[in-house]
Amino acid sequence: MRRSFALRLAAAFAGVGIAAAAITAILVNLSFGTRFTAYLEDQQRARQQQLVSDLARSYEENGGWTVGNLRSLQSLALMDGGTMVLLDANGHVVWNASAGAGGQMAAMHRRMMGSGPLGPQQRIPVRVRGSVVGTALIRLPQAGVLPQDEAFRSSVNRSLLLGGLVAGVIALGLGLVLARRATAPARELTRAARAQAAGDRSRRVDFEAQDEFGEMAIAFNTMADTIEEEDRLRRAFAADVAHELRTPLTILRTQIEGLQDGIVELSPASLASLHEEALRLQRLVSDLETVASAEAAGFSLVREPVRLDRLLAEAAAEFAGAYESAGIQMASELVPARIEADPTRIRQIVANLLTNALKFTPAGGAVTLSLRVDGQWALVGVRDTGPGIEPDELDRVFDRFFRGRSARAGGSGIGLTVARELARVHGGDLEVESTPGEGATFHLRLPLAASSSRLPEDFTDPSHAPARVGSSKGAEP
């Protein structure tokens, strides 16, 4: 059975409120009880001091103890239901206010007042002008046991209990309101997540706040945008693959049906055409496999120390012939750098970049392959003097199967996609900048090896002129 988090949060608010009220009531009750008892005891001591003062005044006015005059104090001495015995300076009993009728009067007062048992006897000296003239033995009912005292304490406890219950109810009500407001973003997020699961990729969380829920809403919307974009790319990818496969398959089917119907004569030319379309299909499937392997290359890279400058020089030498045949000058400007990478994959990246530059650079143009070090990064650049990339195409250069309008040759449109994937699984990246009519520059960034500063002793001093490979100067390895 599903339990509402808002209800649990409200119950927690109410529990905290009731607990706080209960603790407050207990502390107040303890403090009040102690202070109230102390107050009653202070009242008793004040009564005792008043009685002793009246006894001292009687002694001073009459020049000694006079029983007749002392009897006038009997009602004052016994009004609380206590007892009193007066001793002279020698310890002899002068007056017992509780004897005879006085005792009956005290008992009657205790019954009327509902007093409890008498407290311990107090011996209080009676002083006149600094001299002790007698001692008053006084017993009063214990403080705090009078019915009115108990009634007052009970009323305070009832007020505290009622206050605790009211506080609990208020805390519950506020808890429900605050809990529903606090969990509203979570409910909205749940509805959006269910809509996404049902296939509504356009559903977003409409919540703005500078707190954790606001960050969660932003994260969810970002995730939803990514999912929507991935769905779009997946559909576009499927459509592109279908389109790329349809053309060679249609040609193959048409030519085979023509051969079957006798419309097309079986000849070396027709077989060559069939073979060319089969190779085209093979290249397309190979490119698709390359994309898949590039996306999984982070789990299959064979890393080893690589002298990136030497690898680039070898790649430039391999492409020197193709560039020379196309009438394009290629130059390389390389500085020493060592990386930890899969050399086969790095060669694949560089080959894709050089092939792309060769494809888009017209005869008489130039391509520059460069390598420099910036902090902990090796920066490889491939700059061409081709027509450049239009601004509306710049963001799509690395998309699968994308071919710009200025492309002069065929291809699957996957090469740059593969190059970027391989760069990223190596911990780097591949970016492009271009100005229409001024060519394009691809920037490959790769992390240097930890020991990149310790180059092998057989390395050629970097002070020599950068290697330049081109149609006018030949190729240098």
Protein backbone atom coordinates (compact mmCIF):
# COMPACT_ATOMS: atom_id res chain seq x y z
CA MET A 1 0.00 0.00 0.00
CA ARG A 2 1.42 3.38 -1.01
CA ARG A 3 2.08 5.76 1.82
CA SER A 4 1.94 9.47 1.15
CA PHE A 5 5.21 11.24 1.89
CA ALA A 6 3.27 14.47 2.46
CA LEU A 7 1.15 12.74 5.13
CA ARG A 8 4.24 11.31 6.80
CA LEU A 9 5.86 14.74 6.72
CA ALA A 10 2.76 16.33 8.24
CA ALA A 11 2.68 13.63 10.93
CA ALA A 12 6.33 14.39 11.63
CA PHE A 13 5.48 18.09 12.02
CA ALA A 14 2.65 17.21 14.41
CA GLY A 15 4.85 14.79 16.35
CA VAL A 16 7.56 17.40 16.73
CA GLY A 17 4.98 19.97 17.85
CA ILE A 18 3.41 17.64 20.42
CA ALA A 19 6.80 16.48 21.66
CA ALA A 20 7.99 20.07 22.02
CA ALA A 21 4.79 20.99 23.88
CA ALA A 22 5.09 17.92 26.14
CA ILE A 23 8.72 18.64 26.97
CA THR A 24 7.85 22.27 27.63
CA ALA A 25 4.95 21.21 29.87
CA ILE A 26 7.17 18.83 31.84
CA LEU A 27 9.91 21.42 32.31
CA VAL A 28 7.40 24.13 33.22
CA ASN A 29 5.63 21.78 35.64
CA LEU A 30 8.87 20.79 37.33
CA SER A 31 10.06 24.37 37.51
CA PHE A 32 6.68 25.61 38.64
CA GLY A 33 6.31 22.88 41.26
CA THR A 34 9.68 23.66 42.75
CA ARG A 35 9.15 27.40 42.72
CA PHE A 36 5.58 27.11 43.98
CA THR A 37 6.64 24.94 46.92
CA ALA A 38 9.45 27.40 47.67
CA TYR A 39 6.90 30.20 47.52
CA LEU A 40 4.63 28.42 50.03
CA GLU A 41 7.57 27.74 52.31
CA ASP A 42 8.51 31.41 52.12
CA GLN A 43 4.94 32.25 53.09
CA GLN A 44 5.16 29.91 56.08
CA ARG A 45 8.45 31.42 57.18
CA ALA A 46 6.93 34.88 56.88
CA ARG A 47 3.97 33.72 59.06
CA GLN A 48 6.41 32.32 61.61
CA GLN A 49 8.46 35.52 61.68
CA GLN A 50 5.28 37.57 62.08
CA LEU A 51 4.21 35.41 65.04
CA VAL A 52 7.66 35.67 66.64
CA SER A 53 7.63 39.45 66.14
CA ASP A 54 4.21 39.69 67.86
CA LEU A 55 5.56 37.57 70.76
CA ALA A 56 8.59 39.85 71.11
CA ARG A 57 6.40 42.95 71.05
CA SER A 58 4.13 41.46 73.76
CA TYR A 59 7.15 40.69 75.90
CA GLU A 60 8.55 44.21 75.49
CA GLU A 61 5.22 45.98 76.10
CA ASN A 62 4.48 43.98 79.28
CA GLY A 63 8.04 43.75 80.57
CA GLY A 64 7.89 39.95 80.50
CA TRP A 65 5.72 37.01 79.57
CA THR A 66 2.06 37.54 80.48
CA VAL A 67 -0.25 34.63 79.68
CA GLY A 68 -3.30 36.85 79.57
CA ASN A 69 -1.76 39.07 76.95
CA LEU A 70 -0.41 36.09 75.02
CA ARG A 71 -3.90 34.64 74.64
CA SER A 72 -4.76 37.55 72.37
CA LEU A 73 -2.32 36.05 69.90
CA GLN A 74 -3.93 32.60 69.99
CA SER A 75 -6.13 33.13 66.91
CA LEU A 76 -3.09 34.38 64.95
CA ALA A 77 -0.99 31.44 66.10
CA LEU A 78 -3.59 28.82 65.23
CA MET A 79 -5.25 30.33 62.15
CA ASP A 80 -3.30 27.97 59.78
CA GLY A 81 -4.19 24.92 61.85
CA GLY A 82 -0.74 24.60 63.36
CA THR A 83 0.53 24.40 66.93
CA MET A 84 2.70 26.66 69.04
CA VAL A 85 4.44 26.30 72.43
CA LEU A 86 6.32 29.22 74.02
CA LEU A 87 9.33 28.57 76.26
CA ASP A 88 11.05 31.16 78.43
CA ALA A 89 14.78 31.81 78.45
CA ASN A 90 15.28 28.91 80.87
CA GLY A 91 13.35 26.44 78.69
CA HIS A 92 10.21 26.31 80.79
CA VAL A 93 6.83 26.28 79.12
CA VAL A 94 5.26 29.68 79.36
CA TRP A 95 2.28 29.18 77.11
CA ASN A 96 0.87 26.30 75.03
CA ALA A 97 -1.45 27.83 72.48
CA SER A 98 -2.59 24.37 71.34
CA ALA A 99 -3.70 23.16 74.78
CA GLY A 100 -7.36 22.75 75.60
CA ALA A 101 -9.63 24.80 73.43
CA GLY A 102 -6.64 25.94 71.40
CA GLY A 103 -6.02 22.40 70.22
CA GLN A 104 -9.65 22.02 69.23
CA MET A 105 -9.47 25.34 67.38
CA ALA A 106 -6.35 24.21 65.47
CA ALA A 107 -7.97 20.90 64.56
CA MET A 108 -11.07 22.70 63.35
CA HIS A 109 -8.98 25.02 61.19
CA ARG A 110 -7.16 22.02 59.64
CA ARG A 111 -10.48 20.35 58.83
CA MET A 112 -11.93 23.52 57.35
CA MET A 113 -8.85 24.20 55.27
CA GLY A 114 -8.31 20.55 54.33
CA SER A 115 -4.72 20.77 55.50
CA GLY A 116 -2.52 17.73 55.45
CA PRO A 117 -0.19 16.53 58.22
CA LEU A 118 1.82 18.98 60.26
CA GLY A 119 5.37 19.65 59.21
CA PRO A 120 8.45 19.33 61.43
CA GLN A 121 8.69 21.46 64.54
CA GLN A 122 10.61 24.70 64.15
CA ARG A 123 12.50 26.22 67.11
CA ILE A 124 12.61 29.95 66.59
CA PRO A 125 14.26 32.19 69.22
CA VAL A 126 12.39 35.28 70.44
CA ARG A 127 14.75 38.26 70.71
CA VAL A 128 14.19 41.58 72.40
CA ARG A 129 16.89 44.19 71.95
CA GLY A 130 19.39 41.50 70.94
CA SER A 131 18.74 39.20 73.89
CA VAL A 132 16.96 35.83 73.65
CA VAL A 133 13.95 35.98 75.97
CA GLY A 134 12.28 32.79 74.84
CA THR A 135 11.81 30.14 72.16
CA ALA A 136 8.74 29.49 70.02
CA LEU A 137 8.10 25.86 69.06
CA ILE A 138 5.96 26.11 65.95
CA ARG A 139 4.48 23.40 63.70
CA LEU A 140 2.57 24.37 60.58
CA PRO A 141 0.89 22.16 57.94
CA GLN A 142 3.27 20.98 55.22
CA ALA A 143 3.64 23.45 52.33
CA GLY A 144 1.92 22.57 49.08
CA VAL A 145 -0.64 20.04 50.36
CA LEU A 146 -3.52 22.45 50.86
CA PRO A 147 -6.49 21.77 48.53
CA GLN A 148 -6.30 25.22 47.05
CA ASP A 149 -2.61 24.72 46.33
CA GLU A 150 -3.27 21.36 44.66
CA ALA A 151 -6.18 22.85 42.72
CA PHE A 152 -3.95 25.66 41.46
CA ARG A 153 -1.25 23.21 40.39
CA SER A 154 -3.82 20.99 38.65
CA SER A 155 -5.22 23.96 36.75
CA VAL A 156 -1.74 24.86 35.56
CA ASN A 157 -1.15 21.26 34.40
CA ARG A 158 -4.47 21.21 32.58
CA SER A 159 -3.57 24.46 30.83
CA LEU A 160 -0.22 23.01 29.78
CA LEU A 161 -1.87 19.83 28.48
CA LEU A 162 -4.46 21.80 26.56
CA GLY A 163 -1.72 24.02 25.13
CA GLY A 164 0.21 20.92 24.01
CA LEU A 165 -2.86 19.47 22.26
CA VAL A 166 -3.60 22.78 20.56
CA ALA A 167 0.04 23.05 19.49
CA GLY A 168 -0.14 19.52 18.06
CA VAL A 169 -3.30 20.28 16.08
CA ILE A 170 -1.82 23.52 14.75
CA ALA A 171 1.44 21.72 13.87
CA LEU A 172 -0.55 19.02 12.06
CA GLY A 173 -2.49 21.59 10.04
CA LEU A 174 0.61 23.59 9.18
CA GLY A 175 2.45 20.35 8.45
CA LEU A 176 -0.20 19.29 5.93
CA VAL A 177 -0.05 22.64 4.18
CA LEU A 178 3.74 22.87 4.17
CA ALA A 179 4.19 19.20 3.26
CA ARG A 180 1.91 19.51 0.24
CA ARG A 181 3.73 22.62 -0.88
CA ALA A 182 7.12 21.02 -0.27
CA THR A 183 6.22 17.83 -2.17
CA ALA A 184 4.47 19.60 -5.06
CA PRO A 185 7.69 19.60 -7.16
CA ALA A 186 8.13 15.89 -6.51
CA ARG A 187 4.57 15.18 -7.66
CA GLU A 188 5.12 17.29 -10.76
CA LEU A 189 8.36 15.42 -11.41
CA THR A 190 6.56 12.08 -11.02
CA ARG A 191 3.87 13.09 -13.52
CA ALA A 192 6.51 14.27 -15.99
CA ALA A 193 8.53 11.05 -15.57
CA ARG A 194 5.42 8.93 -16.18
CA ALA A 195 4.62 10.98 -19.27
CA GLN A 196 8.16 10.44 -20.52
CA ALA A 197 7.86 6.71 -19.89
CA ALA A 198 4.58 6.71 -21.85
CA GLY A 199 6.37 8.26 -24.83
CA ASP A 200 5.58 11.96 -24.39
CA ARG A 201 9.10 13.30 -24.97
CA SER A 202 7.88 16.92 -24.91
CA ARG A 203 6.82 16.82 -21.25
CA ARG A 204 8.91 19.02 -18.95
CA VAL A 205 8.83 20.03 -15.30
CA ASP A 206 7.50 23.57 -14.89
CA PHE A 207 9.09 24.53 -11.58
CA GLU A 208 11.50 27.32 -10.74
CA ALA A 209 13.11 27.68 -7.33
CA GLN A 210 16.54 28.36 -5.90
CA ASP A 211 16.69 25.11 -3.93
CA GLU A 212 17.26 21.37 -4.34
CA PHE A 213 13.88 20.87 -6.02
CA GLY A 214 14.71 23.59 -8.53
CA GLU A 215 18.03 21.91 -9.31
CA MET A 216 16.23 18.57 -9.64
CA ALA A 217 13.74 20.11 -12.07
CA ILE A 218 16.56 21.58 -14.15
CA ALA A 219 18.38 18.23 -14.16
CA PHE A 220 15.20 16.42 -15.21
CA ASN A 221 14.49 18.88 -18.01
CA THR A 222 18.08 18.56 -19.21
CA MET A 223 17.76 14.79 -19.18
CA ALA A 224 14.45 15.01 -21.06
CA ASP A 225 16.06 17.30 -23.66
CA THR A 226 18.88 14.79 -24.09
CA ILE A 227 16.46 11.89 -24.45
CA GLU A 228 14.37 13.82 -26.98
CA GLU A 229 17.48 14.72 -28.96
CA GLU A 230 18.73 11.12 -28.84
CA ASP A 231 15.36 9.92 -30.10
CA ARG A 232 15.55 12.42 -32.94
CA LEU A 233 19.09 11.36 -33.78
CA ARG A 234 18.14 7.69 -33.62
CA ARG A 235 15.26 8.24 -36.04
CA ALA A 236 17.46 10.36 -38.30
CA PHE A 237 20.20 7.73 -38.11
CA ALA A 238 17.78 4.96 -39.08
CA ALA A 239 16.47 7.08 -41.95
CA ASP A 240 20.01 7.92 -43.12
CA VAL A 241 21.09 4.27 -43.00
CA ALA A 242 18.00 3.24 -44.95
CA HIS A 243 18.68 5.95 -47.53
CA GLU A 244 22.36 5.01 -47.87
CA LEU A 245 21.52 1.33 -48.30
CA ARG A 246 18.61 1.89 -50.64
CA THR A 247 20.64 3.36 -53.52
CA PRO A 248 23.22 0.57 -53.99
CA LEU A 249 20.60 -2.10 -53.32
CA THR A 250 18.29 -0.57 -55.93
CA ILE A 251 21.12 -0.49 -58.48
CA LEU A 252 22.07 -4.08 -57.68
CA ARG A 253 18.47 -5.24 -57.97
CA THR A 254 17.89 -3.37 -61.22
CA GLN A 255 21.03 -4.74 -62.86
CA ILE A 256 20.44 -8.30 -61.63
CA GLU A 257 16.83 -8.23 -62.86
CA GLY A 258 18.09 -6.84 -66.19
CA LEU A 259 20.54 -9.75 -66.44
CA GLN A 260 17.77 -12.21 -65.58
CA ASP A 261 15.42 -10.76 -68.17
CA GLY A 262 18.13 -10.57 -70.81
CA ILE A 263 17.81 -6.80 -71.08
CA VAL A 264 21.38 -6.30 -69.85
CA GLU A 265 24.14 -8.37 -71.37
CA LEU A 266 26.47 -10.16 -68.97
CA SER A 267 29.79 -8.49 -69.65
CA PRO A 268 32.90 -7.38 -67.79
CA ALA A 269 31.41 -3.88 -67.60
CA SER A 270 28.15 -5.07 -65.99
CA LEU A 271 30.06 -7.30 -63.59
CA ALA A 272 32.33 -4.38 -62.70
CA SER A 273 29.24 -2.23 -61.98
CA LEU A 274 27.81 -4.94 -59.75
CA HIS A 275 31.17 -5.31 -58.02
CA GLU A 276 31.38 -1.55 -57.45
CA GLU A 277 27.94 -1.43 -55.82
CA ALA A 278 28.84 -4.43 -53.65
CA LEU A 279 32.02 -2.62 -52.56
CA ARG A 280 29.95 0.47 -51.82
CA LEU A 281 27.69 -1.58 -49.56
CA GLN A 282 30.73 -3.12 -47.92
CA ARG A 283 32.24 0.32 -47.24
CA LEU A 284 28.97 1.54 -45.75
CA VAL A 285 28.68 -1.47 -43.45
CA SER A 286 32.33 -1.04 -42.50
CA ASP A 287 31.70 2.61 -41.66
CA LEU A 288 28.73 1.63 -39.48
CA GLU A 289 30.85 -0.92 -37.68
CA THR A 290 33.50 1.75 -37.18
CA VAL A 291 30.98 4.08 -35.55
CA ALA A 292 29.85 1.30 -33.20
CA SER A 293 33.43 0.37 -32.33
CA ALA A 294 34.33 4.03 -31.77
CA GLU A 295 31.48 4.43 -29.27
CA ALA A 296 32.73 1.34 -27.43
CA ALA A 297 36.42 2.13 -27.86
CA GLY A 298 36.77 3.24 -24.27
CA PHE A 299 36.53 -0.43 -23.34
CA SER A 300 38.78 -1.75 -26.09
CA LEU A 301 41.63 0.76 -26.43
CA VAL A 302 45.11 -0.71 -26.37
CA ARG A 303 46.99 2.14 -24.75
CA GLU A 304 50.74 2.50 -24.91
CA PRO A 305 53.28 5.35 -24.92
CA VAL A 306 53.07 7.11 -28.29
CA ARG A 307 55.39 9.74 -29.76
CA LEU A 308 52.63 11.83 -31.27
CA ASP A 309 54.99 14.00 -33.33
CA ARG A 310 56.47 10.93 -35.04
CA LEU A 311 53.02 9.41 -35.64
CA LEU A 312 51.87 12.64 -37.31
CA ALA A 313 55.03 12.81 -39.43
CA GLU A 314 54.41 9.25 -40.63
CA ALA A 315 50.77 10.08 -41.45
CA ALA A 316 51.88 13.15 -43.42
CA ALA A 317 54.33 11.00 -45.37
CA GLU A 318 51.61 8.46 -46.18
CA PHE A 319 49.32 11.17 -47.60
CA ALA A 320 52.07 13.07 -49.41
CA GLY A 321 51.48 11.22 -52.67
CA ALA A 322 47.71 11.80 -52.69
CA TYR A 323 48.17 15.47 -51.94
CA GLU A 324 50.80 15.88 -54.61
CA SER A 325 48.52 14.19 -57.17
CA ALA A 326 45.71 16.58 -56.25
CA GLY A 327 47.99 19.60 -56.57
CA ILE A 328 47.69 20.49 -52.91
CA GLN A 329 50.67 21.50 -50.80
CA MET A 330 50.87 19.91 -47.35
CA ALA A 331 53.13 21.21 -44.57
CA SER A 332 53.67 19.86 -41.07
CA GLU A 333 54.81 21.87 -38.06
CA LEU A 334 55.47 19.50 -35.19
CA VAL A 335 56.97 19.78 -31.69
CA PRO A 336 57.83 16.82 -29.43
CA ALA A 337 54.93 15.33 -27.47
CA ARG A 338 54.22 11.99 -25.83
CA ILE A 339 50.75 10.61 -25.09
CA GLU A 340 49.26 7.41 -23.67
CA ALA A 341 46.94 6.21 -26.42
CA ASP A 342 46.01 3.51 -28.89
CA PRO A 343 48.26 4.34 -31.88
CA THR A 344 45.95 2.60 -34.35
CA ARG A 345 43.01 4.71 -33.23
CA ILE A 346 45.06 7.94 -33.27
CA ARG A 347 46.20 7.13 -36.83
CA GLN A 348 42.54 6.64 -37.73
CA ILE A 349 41.65 10.10 -36.38
CA VAL A 350 44.52 11.79 -38.24
CA ALA A 351 43.73 9.87 -41.44
CA ASN A 352 40.09 10.99 -41.30
CA LEU A 353 41.13 14.62 -40.81
CA LEU A 354 43.69 14.56 -43.63
CA THR A 355 41.22 12.76 -45.93
CA ASN A 356 38.58 15.37 -45.14
CA ALA A 357 41.03 18.22 -45.85
CA LEU A 358 42.05 16.56 -49.13
CA LYS A 359 38.41 16.22 -50.14
CA PHE A 360 37.51 19.88 -49.59
CA THR A 361 40.71 21.69 -50.61
CA PRO A 362 40.90 22.67 -54.27
CA ALA A 363 44.01 22.27 -56.41
CA GLY A 364 46.60 24.91 -55.64
CA GLY A 365 45.48 25.10 -52.02
CA ALA A 366 47.41 24.13 -48.91
CA VAL A 367 46.89 22.01 -45.81
CA THR A 368 48.93 22.44 -42.63
CA LEU A 369 49.30 19.70 -40.02
CA SER A 370 50.53 21.14 -36.71
CA LEU A 371 51.32 19.92 -33.21
CA ARG A 372 51.96 22.04 -30.15
CA VAL A 373 51.86 21.58 -26.39
CA ASP A 374 49.69 23.68 -24.07
CA GLY A 375 49.94 22.76 -20.41
CA GLN A 376 48.87 19.14 -20.05
CA TRP A 377 47.43 18.92 -23.56
CA ALA A 378 48.77 18.02 -26.97
CA LEU A 379 47.02 20.18 -29.57
CA VAL A 380 46.86 18.89 -33.13
CA GLY A 381 45.61 21.18 -35.88
CA VAL A 382 44.62 20.44 -39.48
CA ARG A 383 44.11 23.70 -41.36
CA ASP A 384 43.04 23.87 -45.03
CA THR A 385 42.44 26.66 -47.53
CA GLY A 386 39.21 25.20 -48.87
CA PRO A 387 35.84 26.92 -49.22
CA GLY A 388 35.18 26.70 -45.49
CA ILE A 389 31.99 25.62 -43.76
CA GLU A 390 28.76 27.56 -43.86
CA PRO A 391 27.54 28.79 -40.45
CA ASP A 392 24.34 26.75 -40.67
CA GLU A 393 26.40 23.59 -41.27
CA LEU A 394 29.07 24.14 -38.64
CA ASP A 395 27.10 22.50 -35.83
CA ARG A 396 26.33 19.45 -38.00
CA VAL A 397 29.85 18.68 -39.17
CA PHE A 398 30.21 15.79 -36.72
CA ASP A 399 26.73 14.35 -37.30
CA ARG A 400 26.47 10.90 -38.80
CA PHE A 401 26.06 10.81 -42.59
CA PHE A 402 26.25 14.59 -42.88
CA ARG A 403 27.92 15.91 -46.03
CA GLY A 404 28.21 19.62 -46.67
CA ARG A 405 27.02 21.30 -49.81
CA SER A 406 30.59 22.02 -50.89
CA ALA A 407 31.72 18.37 -50.81
CA ARG A 408 33.45 17.40 -54.07
CA ALA A 409 33.50 13.66 -53.51
CA GLY A 410 31.32 10.89 -52.21
CA GLY A 411 31.54 9.16 -48.87
CA SER A 412 29.38 7.89 -46.08
CA GLY A 413 29.63 11.05 -43.99
CA ILE A 414 30.80 9.10 -40.93
CA GLY A 415 34.53 9.90 -40.90
CA LEU A 416 34.38 13.00 -38.70
CA THR A 417 31.83 11.32 -36.41
CA VAL A 418 34.28 8.46 -35.86
CA ALA A 419 37.18 10.89 -35.32
CA ARG A 420 35.36 12.81 -32.59
CA GLU A 421 34.20 9.62 -30.82
CA LEU A 422 37.75 8.27 -30.80
CA ALA A 423 39.13 11.58 -29.51
CA ARG A 424 36.64 11.61 -26.64
CA VAL A 425 37.27 8.04 -25.53
CA HIS A 426 40.94 9.01 -25.30
CA GLY A 427 39.98 11.76 -22.85
CA GLY A 428 40.24 14.54 -25.43
CA ASP A 429 37.97 16.21 -27.96
CA LEU A 430 37.73 17.32 -31.58
CA GLU A 431 36.39 20.73 -32.58
CA VAL A 432 36.22 22.83 -35.72
CA GLU A 433 36.31 26.51 -36.57
CA SER A 434 35.75 27.98 -39.99
CA THR A 435 35.11 31.16 -41.92
CA PRO A 436 33.34 30.72 -45.27
CA GLY A 437 35.79 31.33 -48.11
CA GLU A 438 38.85 31.10 -45.83
CA GLY A 439 39.02 27.38 -45.10
CA ALA A 440 38.51 25.37 -41.95
CA THR A 441 40.68 24.25 -39.03
CA PHE A 442 40.07 21.09 -37.02
CA HIS A 443 41.50 21.09 -33.49
CA LEU A 444 42.30 17.73 -31.90
CA ARG A 445 43.06 17.85 -28.18
CA LEU A 446 44.66 14.87 -26.40
CA PRO A 447 46.02 14.61 -22.83
CA LEU A 448 49.78 14.35 -22.53
CA ALA A 449 51.31 11.33 -20.83
CA ALA A 450 52.43 11.82 -17.24
CA SER A 451 56.05 11.34 -18.31
CA SER A 452 55.81 13.56 -21.38
CA SER A 453 58.70 15.70 -20.18
CA ARG A 454 61.09 12.71 -20.25
CA LEU A 455 61.69 12.11 -23.93
CA PRO A 456 63.90 9.30 -25.21
CA GLU A 457 67.53 10.16 -25.89
CA ASP A 458 67.27 9.33 -29.59
CA PHE A 459 64.79 12.17 -30.15
CA THR A 460 65.94 14.81 -32.65
CA ASP A 461 66.57 18.21 -31.10
CA PRO A 462 63.37 20.28 -31.48
CA SER A 463 65.37 23.34 -32.46
CA HIS A 464 65.55 22.07 -36.02
CA ALA A 465 63.16 23.55 -38.58
CA PRO A 466 59.67 21.96 -38.58
CA ALA A 467 59.23 19.16 -41.09
CA ARG A 468 57.39 20.27 -44.22
CA VAL A 469 55.85 17.77 -46.59
CA GLY A 470 54.34 18.96 -49.87
CA SER A 471 54.25 18.79 -53.61
CA SER A 472 57.01 21.33 -54.03
CA LYS A 473 59.46 19.92 -51.47
CA GLY A 474 58.74 16.27 -51.45
CA ALA A 475 57.92 14.19 -48.42
CA GLU A 476 59.85 13.94 -45.22
CA PRO A 477 59.10 11.06 -42.80
